């Protein structure tokens, strides 16, 4: 029986878009570092790249969606239609010098499709969470105005994040050189609340900020040899604009007083920096693939600060390896893909002059869904940590799981009847 991948993808898409309106409101992260800026940034990798240390700028792949370099979309074969739907879950543990806490989160991670428009020209469209906010801080001490050494404790909560709808175009200039361009539509909302009580009085501040922006980028891939490909990417700096709606309520001796009700104003633009990336992919033989990436984000140029945090230059290094015994083997076990990788992120936040860096190790497996297509069930696991137990800093360790249906279907092909 032939699997109807179009039907599977359509059902997955409907489920995704039905839940996407609730996705950010339910929280895709629980990191206290999502307090700053527009939340924590995701390394948005699809399918195979999640198990390869989030690498793929130089990965040459005609049968899988590689959203890390738009130039790779030029390789999509004629009549092939590629899909990818992913879900992810994460278990986090947070530690400081006094306390320890654990939380679980999970939701859809991406939806993507790609196909060839014409000779040497391919297109891909994807949607994924770009940033996530999901913190809850209790017992934050603040000074009372016009008093000496008097403080109150407040509760800070935030939830939401931004989504990224990205369009990639890849064109093959020659058999060895491919170029690509990308355009991202960034949008979403972040809700923050602050509440505290002093004796018989209480205070509640509710802020909802809706953000929107557009970001452009490009990519290049060059086949050094038949089995070695180098790649480069560029994301241009841009401003994400926000509109704030604020409500303030006070309670004095049990009586509620509305101070502000749906007051709307603009907020300062959040600046996204110039980002460059370089990568290489080497197919050593039919068994081993090695990928390596480097990315740099020039946050210093944005000159952004927030409370005790400063946004500073970020460097990300990644390395991945894949093993497959025989891609065309008759035995199912011979066609299974095994992956491993490591990723180090120097961090983009500097809190009290200490960088919030992190390292993650990844494992992955690609399970073929049939013997006649390149469709895979990609499963990846990641273990890592970021931050440290130092003054106000928190050490975060995590276990992350991701499942992607990476499907290939064929359009406009005549069936051969014997």
Foldseek 3Di string as FASTA:
>chain_A
DDDDVVVVLVVLVVVQVVCVVVQQVVFQDADPVLVDDQAAFDLQFFFPCQQFQSFDQFPADQQFDGPPALQNQLNPDAQKKKKKWKKKKKKKWKDAPPDIDIDIHIDTAKIKMKHAPDHSKIKMKMKGFGHWFWYKDWFDWDADPPDPPDIWIKIKTKTKGKMWIKMKMKGDPDPFKIKIKMKIKIWMKMKMWMKTDDDQKIKIKIKIKIKIDMKMKMKMWGPPDPFKIKMKIKIAKDWIWIKMFMWMWMAGNRDIDTPDHRDIDTDDTDIFFIKMKIKMWGPPDQFKIKIKMKMKGAQVVVQDDDDQKGFHIKIKIKIKMKGAQHCLDPDQNRNKIKMKMKMWMQAGIQGNNRHWIKIKIKIKMWGDPDNPGPWTWIKMKMWMWTWDHDDPIMIMIMIMIMIMGIDMDGPPDDDDDD
